[in-house]
N, C-alpha and C. Protein backbone atom coordinates (compact mmCIF):
# COMPACT_ATOMS: atom_id res chain seq x y z
N MET A 1 -99.64 -113.67 28.81
CA MET A 1 -99.47 -115.11 28.85
C MET A 1 -100.23 -115.71 30.03
N ILE A 2 -99.98 -115.20 31.22
CA ILE A 2 -100.60 -115.78 32.41
C ILE A 2 -102.11 -115.54 32.40
N PHE A 3 -102.53 -114.40 31.83
CA PHE A 3 -103.96 -114.12 31.75
C PHE A 3 -104.66 -115.14 30.86
N SER A 4 -104.03 -115.53 29.75
CA SER A 4 -104.66 -116.51 28.85
C SER A 4 -104.74 -117.88 29.49
N VAL A 5 -103.76 -118.23 30.31
CA VAL A 5 -103.79 -119.51 31.02
C VAL A 5 -104.91 -119.51 32.05
N ILE A 6 -105.03 -118.43 32.80
CA ILE A 6 -106.09 -118.32 33.81
C ILE A 6 -107.46 -118.33 33.15
N THR A 7 -107.60 -117.60 32.04
CA THR A 7 -108.88 -117.56 31.33
C THR A 7 -109.25 -118.95 30.82
N ALA A 8 -108.30 -119.65 30.22
CA ALA A 8 -108.56 -121.01 29.73
C ALA A 8 -108.97 -121.93 30.86
N PHE A 9 -108.31 -121.82 32.00
CA PHE A 9 -108.63 -122.66 33.16
C PHE A 9 -110.04 -122.37 33.66
N ILE A 10 -110.39 -121.11 33.77
CA ILE A 10 -111.72 -120.75 34.29
C ILE A 10 -112.81 -121.15 33.31
N VAL A 11 -112.64 -120.86 32.03
CA VAL A 11 -113.68 -121.19 31.04
C VAL A 11 -113.83 -122.70 30.91
N GLY A 12 -112.72 -123.43 30.80
CA GLY A 12 -112.81 -124.88 30.73
C GLY A 12 -113.45 -125.46 31.98
N GLY A 13 -113.12 -124.91 33.13
CA GLY A 13 -113.73 -125.34 34.38
C GLY A 13 -115.22 -125.07 34.42
N LEU A 14 -115.64 -123.93 33.89
CA LEU A 14 -117.07 -123.61 33.87
C LEU A 14 -117.85 -124.55 32.94
N ILE A 15 -117.23 -124.95 31.84
CA ILE A 15 -117.88 -125.93 30.96
C ILE A 15 -118.04 -127.26 31.71
N CYS A 16 -117.01 -127.63 32.45
CA CYS A 16 -117.10 -128.86 33.25
C CYS A 16 -118.16 -128.74 34.34
N VAL A 17 -118.28 -127.56 34.94
CA VAL A 17 -119.32 -127.34 35.96
C VAL A 17 -120.70 -127.52 35.35
N VAL A 18 -120.90 -126.99 34.14
CA VAL A 18 -122.19 -127.17 33.46
C VAL A 18 -122.48 -128.66 33.26
N GLY A 19 -121.48 -129.40 32.81
CA GLY A 19 -121.65 -130.84 32.64
C GLY A 19 -121.99 -131.54 33.95
N GLN A 20 -121.31 -131.16 35.02
CA GLN A 20 -121.58 -131.77 36.32
C GLN A 20 -122.97 -131.41 36.83
N LEU A 21 -123.40 -130.19 36.59
CA LEU A 21 -124.76 -129.79 36.99
C LEU A 21 -125.81 -130.57 36.20
N LEU A 22 -125.52 -130.85 34.95
CA LEU A 22 -126.45 -131.66 34.16
C LEU A 22 -126.56 -133.06 34.74
N PHE A 23 -125.45 -133.59 35.25
CA PHE A 23 -125.49 -134.89 35.93
C PHE A 23 -126.30 -134.82 37.22
N ASP A 24 -125.93 -133.87 38.08
CA ASP A 24 -126.44 -133.84 39.44
C ASP A 24 -127.84 -133.24 39.56
N VAL A 25 -128.08 -132.12 38.91
CA VAL A 25 -129.35 -131.40 39.07
C VAL A 25 -130.39 -131.91 38.09
N ALA A 26 -130.01 -132.00 36.82
CA ALA A 26 -130.97 -132.43 35.80
C ALA A 26 -131.10 -133.95 35.74
N LYS A 27 -130.20 -134.66 36.43
CA LYS A 27 -130.22 -136.13 36.48
C LYS A 27 -130.10 -136.76 35.08
N LEU A 28 -129.30 -136.11 34.22
CA LEU A 28 -129.07 -136.67 32.88
C LEU A 28 -128.01 -137.76 32.96
N THR A 29 -128.12 -138.71 32.07
CA THR A 29 -127.11 -139.76 31.99
C THR A 29 -125.85 -139.20 31.34
N PRO A 30 -124.71 -139.88 31.49
CA PRO A 30 -123.50 -139.40 30.82
C PRO A 30 -123.67 -139.28 29.31
N ALA A 31 -124.40 -140.20 28.69
CA ALA A 31 -124.61 -140.14 27.24
C ALA A 31 -125.42 -138.90 26.85
N HIS A 32 -126.46 -138.60 27.63
CA HIS A 32 -127.27 -137.42 27.34
C HIS A 32 -126.47 -136.14 27.55
N THR A 33 -125.68 -136.11 28.61
CA THR A 33 -124.86 -134.93 28.89
C THR A 33 -123.83 -134.71 27.79
N LEU A 34 -123.16 -135.77 27.39
CA LEU A 34 -122.17 -135.69 26.32
C LEU A 34 -122.81 -135.19 25.03
N SER A 35 -123.93 -135.77 24.68
CA SER A 35 -124.63 -135.37 23.45
C SER A 35 -125.07 -133.92 23.52
N LEU A 36 -125.59 -133.50 24.65
CA LEU A 36 -126.05 -132.12 24.80
C LEU A 36 -124.90 -131.14 24.67
N LEU A 37 -123.76 -131.43 25.27
CA LEU A 37 -122.61 -130.53 25.17
C LEU A 37 -122.07 -130.47 23.74
N VAL A 38 -122.08 -131.59 23.03
CA VAL A 38 -121.66 -131.57 21.62
C VAL A 38 -122.63 -130.73 20.79
N VAL A 39 -123.92 -130.89 21.04
CA VAL A 39 -124.92 -130.11 20.29
C VAL A 39 -124.79 -128.62 20.61
N ILE A 40 -124.53 -128.28 21.86
CA ILE A 40 -124.35 -126.87 22.22
C ILE A 40 -123.17 -126.27 21.46
N GLY A 41 -122.05 -126.99 21.40
CA GLY A 41 -120.90 -126.50 20.63
C GLY A 41 -121.21 -126.37 19.16
N SER A 42 -121.99 -127.30 18.64
CA SER A 42 -122.37 -127.27 17.24
C SER A 42 -123.28 -126.08 16.93
N VAL A 43 -124.25 -125.86 17.78
CA VAL A 43 -125.18 -124.74 17.58
C VAL A 43 -124.46 -123.40 17.69
N LEU A 44 -123.57 -123.30 18.68
CA LEU A 44 -122.81 -122.05 18.81
C LEU A 44 -121.97 -121.78 17.57
N ASP A 45 -121.38 -122.82 16.98
CA ASP A 45 -120.61 -122.63 15.76
C ASP A 45 -121.52 -122.28 14.59
N GLY A 46 -122.70 -122.88 14.55
CA GLY A 46 -123.65 -122.56 13.48
C GLY A 46 -124.05 -121.10 13.48
N PHE A 47 -124.12 -120.49 14.65
CA PHE A 47 -124.45 -119.07 14.75
C PHE A 47 -123.20 -118.19 14.70
N GLY A 48 -122.04 -118.79 14.52
CA GLY A 48 -120.81 -118.02 14.41
C GLY A 48 -120.28 -117.52 15.75
N LEU A 49 -120.68 -118.15 16.85
CA LEU A 49 -120.27 -117.68 18.17
C LEU A 49 -119.11 -118.47 18.77
N TYR A 50 -118.81 -119.64 18.23
CA TYR A 50 -117.77 -120.45 18.86
C TYR A 50 -116.36 -119.97 18.54
N GLU A 51 -116.13 -119.47 17.35
CA GLU A 51 -114.80 -118.96 17.00
C GLU A 51 -114.40 -117.78 17.88
N PRO A 52 -115.29 -116.78 18.10
CA PRO A 52 -114.91 -115.73 19.05
C PRO A 52 -114.69 -116.26 20.46
N PHE A 53 -115.45 -117.30 20.82
CA PHE A 53 -115.28 -117.94 22.12
C PHE A 53 -113.90 -118.58 22.22
N ILE A 54 -113.44 -119.22 21.15
CA ILE A 54 -112.09 -119.80 21.12
C ILE A 54 -111.04 -118.70 21.20
N ASP A 55 -111.26 -117.60 20.47
CA ASP A 55 -110.32 -116.49 20.52
C ASP A 55 -110.17 -115.94 21.94
N PHE A 56 -111.27 -115.93 22.70
CA PHE A 56 -111.24 -115.43 24.06
C PHE A 56 -110.64 -116.45 25.03
N ALA A 57 -111.11 -117.70 24.97
CA ALA A 57 -110.77 -118.69 25.99
C ALA A 57 -109.62 -119.60 25.61
N GLY A 58 -109.23 -119.67 24.36
CA GLY A 58 -108.13 -120.53 23.95
C GLY A 58 -108.42 -121.99 24.24
N ALA A 59 -107.50 -122.64 24.95
CA ALA A 59 -107.64 -124.06 25.25
C ALA A 59 -108.86 -124.35 26.13
N GLY A 60 -109.34 -123.35 26.85
CA GLY A 60 -110.54 -123.54 27.66
C GLY A 60 -111.77 -123.80 26.82
N ALA A 61 -111.71 -123.43 25.54
CA ALA A 61 -112.82 -123.68 24.62
C ALA A 61 -112.52 -124.80 23.64
N THR A 62 -111.23 -125.09 23.40
CA THR A 62 -110.90 -126.12 22.41
C THR A 62 -110.73 -127.51 23.01
N ILE A 63 -110.48 -127.62 24.30
CA ILE A 63 -110.27 -128.92 24.93
C ILE A 63 -111.58 -129.62 25.30
N PRO A 64 -112.56 -128.95 25.89
CA PRO A 64 -113.80 -129.66 26.28
C PRO A 64 -114.56 -130.23 25.08
N ILE A 65 -115.50 -131.10 25.37
CA ILE A 65 -116.25 -131.82 24.33
C ILE A 65 -117.08 -130.88 23.46
N THR A 66 -117.38 -129.69 23.92
CA THR A 66 -118.13 -128.75 23.09
C THR A 66 -117.37 -128.41 21.81
N SER A 67 -116.05 -128.49 21.88
CA SER A 67 -115.23 -128.22 20.70
C SER A 67 -115.41 -129.27 19.62
N PHE A 68 -115.77 -130.50 20.01
CA PHE A 68 -116.03 -131.54 19.01
C PHE A 68 -117.25 -131.17 18.16
N GLY A 69 -118.29 -130.67 18.80
CA GLY A 69 -119.47 -130.20 18.06
C GLY A 69 -119.12 -129.03 17.15
N ASN A 70 -118.27 -128.14 17.65
CA ASN A 70 -117.80 -127.03 16.84
C ASN A 70 -117.05 -127.54 15.62
N SER A 71 -116.18 -128.51 15.80
CA SER A 71 -115.40 -129.05 14.68
C SER A 71 -116.29 -129.72 13.64
N LEU A 72 -117.28 -130.48 14.10
CA LEU A 72 -118.21 -131.14 13.17
C LEU A 72 -118.93 -130.11 12.31
N THR A 73 -119.51 -129.12 12.95
CA THR A 73 -120.27 -128.11 12.21
C THR A 73 -119.37 -127.26 11.34
N HIS A 74 -118.22 -126.87 11.88
CA HIS A 74 -117.30 -126.02 11.13
C HIS A 74 -116.84 -126.71 9.85
N GLY A 75 -116.46 -127.97 9.97
CA GLY A 75 -116.02 -128.72 8.79
C GLY A 75 -117.14 -128.91 7.78
N ALA A 76 -118.34 -129.20 8.27
CA ALA A 76 -119.48 -129.39 7.38
C ALA A 76 -119.81 -128.11 6.63
N MET A 77 -119.76 -126.98 7.32
CA MET A 77 -120.09 -125.70 6.67
C MET A 77 -119.03 -125.30 5.65
N GLN A 78 -117.75 -125.54 5.99
CA GLN A 78 -116.68 -125.20 5.05
C GLN A 78 -116.79 -126.02 3.76
N GLU A 79 -116.99 -127.32 3.91
CA GLU A 79 -117.07 -128.18 2.72
C GLU A 79 -118.36 -127.97 1.95
N ALA A 80 -119.43 -127.58 2.64
CA ALA A 80 -120.69 -127.30 1.95
C ALA A 80 -120.54 -126.10 1.02
N GLU A 81 -119.73 -125.13 1.42
CA GLU A 81 -119.48 -123.97 0.55
C GLU A 81 -118.73 -124.39 -0.71
N LYS A 82 -117.83 -125.37 -0.59
CA LYS A 82 -117.03 -125.80 -1.73
C LYS A 82 -117.75 -126.82 -2.61
N HIS A 83 -118.43 -127.80 -1.98
CA HIS A 83 -118.94 -128.94 -2.73
C HIS A 83 -120.45 -129.14 -2.62
N GLY A 84 -121.15 -128.24 -1.99
CA GLY A 84 -122.60 -128.39 -1.87
C GLY A 84 -122.99 -129.41 -0.82
N PHE A 85 -124.11 -130.08 -1.05
CA PHE A 85 -124.69 -130.98 -0.06
C PHE A 85 -123.75 -132.13 0.32
N ILE A 86 -123.04 -132.68 -0.65
CA ILE A 86 -122.13 -133.79 -0.35
C ILE A 86 -120.99 -133.32 0.58
N GLY A 87 -120.65 -132.05 0.50
CA GLY A 87 -119.64 -131.49 1.39
C GLY A 87 -120.06 -131.50 2.84
N VAL A 88 -121.37 -131.41 3.09
CA VAL A 88 -121.86 -131.48 4.46
C VAL A 88 -121.52 -132.83 5.06
N LEU A 89 -121.69 -133.87 4.30
CA LEU A 89 -121.42 -135.23 4.79
C LEU A 89 -119.93 -135.50 4.94
N THR A 90 -119.14 -135.06 3.98
CA THR A 90 -117.71 -135.35 4.03
C THR A 90 -116.93 -134.38 4.91
N GLY A 91 -117.39 -133.16 5.01
CA GLY A 91 -116.65 -132.12 5.74
C GLY A 91 -116.51 -132.39 7.21
N MET A 92 -117.59 -132.86 7.83
CA MET A 92 -117.50 -133.06 9.28
C MET A 92 -116.56 -134.21 9.63
N PHE A 93 -116.44 -135.19 8.76
CA PHE A 93 -115.53 -136.30 9.06
C PHE A 93 -114.10 -135.98 8.65
N GLU A 94 -113.94 -135.10 7.68
CA GLU A 94 -112.60 -134.71 7.26
C GLU A 94 -111.87 -133.99 8.39
N VAL A 95 -112.57 -133.13 9.08
CA VAL A 95 -111.96 -132.33 10.14
C VAL A 95 -111.74 -133.15 11.41
N THR A 96 -112.65 -134.06 11.71
CA THR A 96 -112.59 -134.78 13.00
C THR A 96 -112.04 -136.19 12.89
N SER A 97 -111.67 -136.63 11.71
CA SER A 97 -111.26 -138.02 11.53
C SER A 97 -110.03 -138.40 12.35
N SER A 98 -109.08 -137.50 12.49
CA SER A 98 -107.88 -137.84 13.27
C SER A 98 -108.22 -138.04 14.74
N GLY A 99 -109.10 -137.21 15.29
CA GLY A 99 -109.50 -137.37 16.68
C GLY A 99 -110.29 -138.64 16.91
N ILE A 100 -111.19 -138.95 15.99
CA ILE A 100 -111.99 -140.18 16.11
C ILE A 100 -111.08 -141.40 15.98
N SER A 101 -110.16 -141.36 15.02
CA SER A 101 -109.23 -142.48 14.83
C SER A 101 -108.35 -142.68 16.06
N ALA A 102 -107.85 -141.59 16.63
CA ALA A 102 -107.01 -141.70 17.82
C ALA A 102 -107.80 -142.30 18.98
N ALA A 103 -109.05 -141.89 19.15
CA ALA A 103 -109.87 -142.43 20.24
C ALA A 103 -110.08 -143.92 20.07
N ILE A 104 -110.32 -144.36 18.85
CA ILE A 104 -110.51 -145.79 18.60
C ILE A 104 -109.22 -146.57 18.86
N ILE A 105 -108.11 -146.08 18.34
CA ILE A 105 -106.83 -146.77 18.50
C ILE A 105 -106.43 -146.84 19.97
N PHE A 106 -106.52 -145.72 20.69
CA PHE A 106 -106.15 -145.72 22.10
C PHE A 106 -107.10 -146.59 22.92
N GLY A 107 -108.36 -146.63 22.55
CA GLY A 107 -109.32 -147.49 23.25
C GLY A 107 -108.99 -148.96 23.07
N VAL A 108 -108.63 -149.35 21.86
CA VAL A 108 -108.26 -150.75 21.60
C VAL A 108 -106.98 -151.10 22.34
N VAL A 109 -105.98 -150.22 22.29
CA VAL A 109 -104.72 -150.48 22.98
C VAL A 109 -104.97 -150.62 24.49
N ALA A 110 -105.76 -149.72 25.06
CA ALA A 110 -106.05 -149.80 26.49
C ALA A 110 -106.80 -151.09 26.82
N ALA A 111 -107.71 -151.51 25.96
CA ALA A 111 -108.45 -152.75 26.20
C ALA A 111 -107.53 -153.97 26.13
N LEU A 112 -106.51 -153.92 25.30
CA LEU A 112 -105.57 -155.03 25.20
C LEU A 112 -104.60 -155.08 26.39
N ILE A 113 -104.26 -153.92 26.93
CA ILE A 113 -103.28 -153.86 28.01
C ILE A 113 -103.92 -154.10 29.37
N PHE A 114 -105.07 -153.51 29.62
CA PHE A 114 -105.68 -153.55 30.95
C PHE A 114 -106.87 -154.49 30.97
N ARG A 115 -107.13 -155.04 32.15
CA ARG A 115 -108.29 -155.91 32.34
C ARG A 115 -109.33 -155.16 33.16
N SER A 116 -110.60 -155.45 32.88
CA SER A 116 -111.65 -154.83 33.69
C SER A 116 -111.67 -155.52 35.06
N LYS A 117 -112.15 -154.81 36.06
CA LYS A 117 -112.14 -155.33 37.43
C LYS A 117 -113.44 -156.00 37.81
N GLY A 118 -114.45 -155.87 37.00
CA GLY A 118 -115.72 -156.46 37.35
C GLY A 118 -116.39 -157.11 36.16
N LYS A 119 -117.41 -157.87 36.46
CA LYS A 119 -118.15 -158.50 35.37
C LYS A 119 -119.19 -157.53 34.85
N VAL A 120 -119.36 -157.54 33.56
CA VAL A 120 -120.39 -156.71 32.93
C VAL A 120 -121.64 -157.58 32.84
N SER A 121 -122.73 -157.03 33.37
CA SER A 121 -123.97 -157.84 33.33
C SER A 121 -124.92 -157.32 32.30
């Protein structure tokens, strides 16, 4: 039990370190860094490497943004096997729709409750 918690903490932390290095060393914008991490998770799932990574790291692999890319690709590949090309389009949204919906709902609620502190120019 404690080993899995430590492993998840270290792996999740290393993914965050990679993201921070992309900010600081490569001078990538947050949008570029986010997109790159999603693509990395997607590519790893496409090669069948993300599921073993999840088995090893647990929450350290499922919590960071790389898992979103994994979910998109995994859903698209599963539905493509069942329904062909149209499954590619529907599969990725079927698996991730609850997360996307939650992000939109929580974003709207936060925008209604809190005020920004500065002017947007």
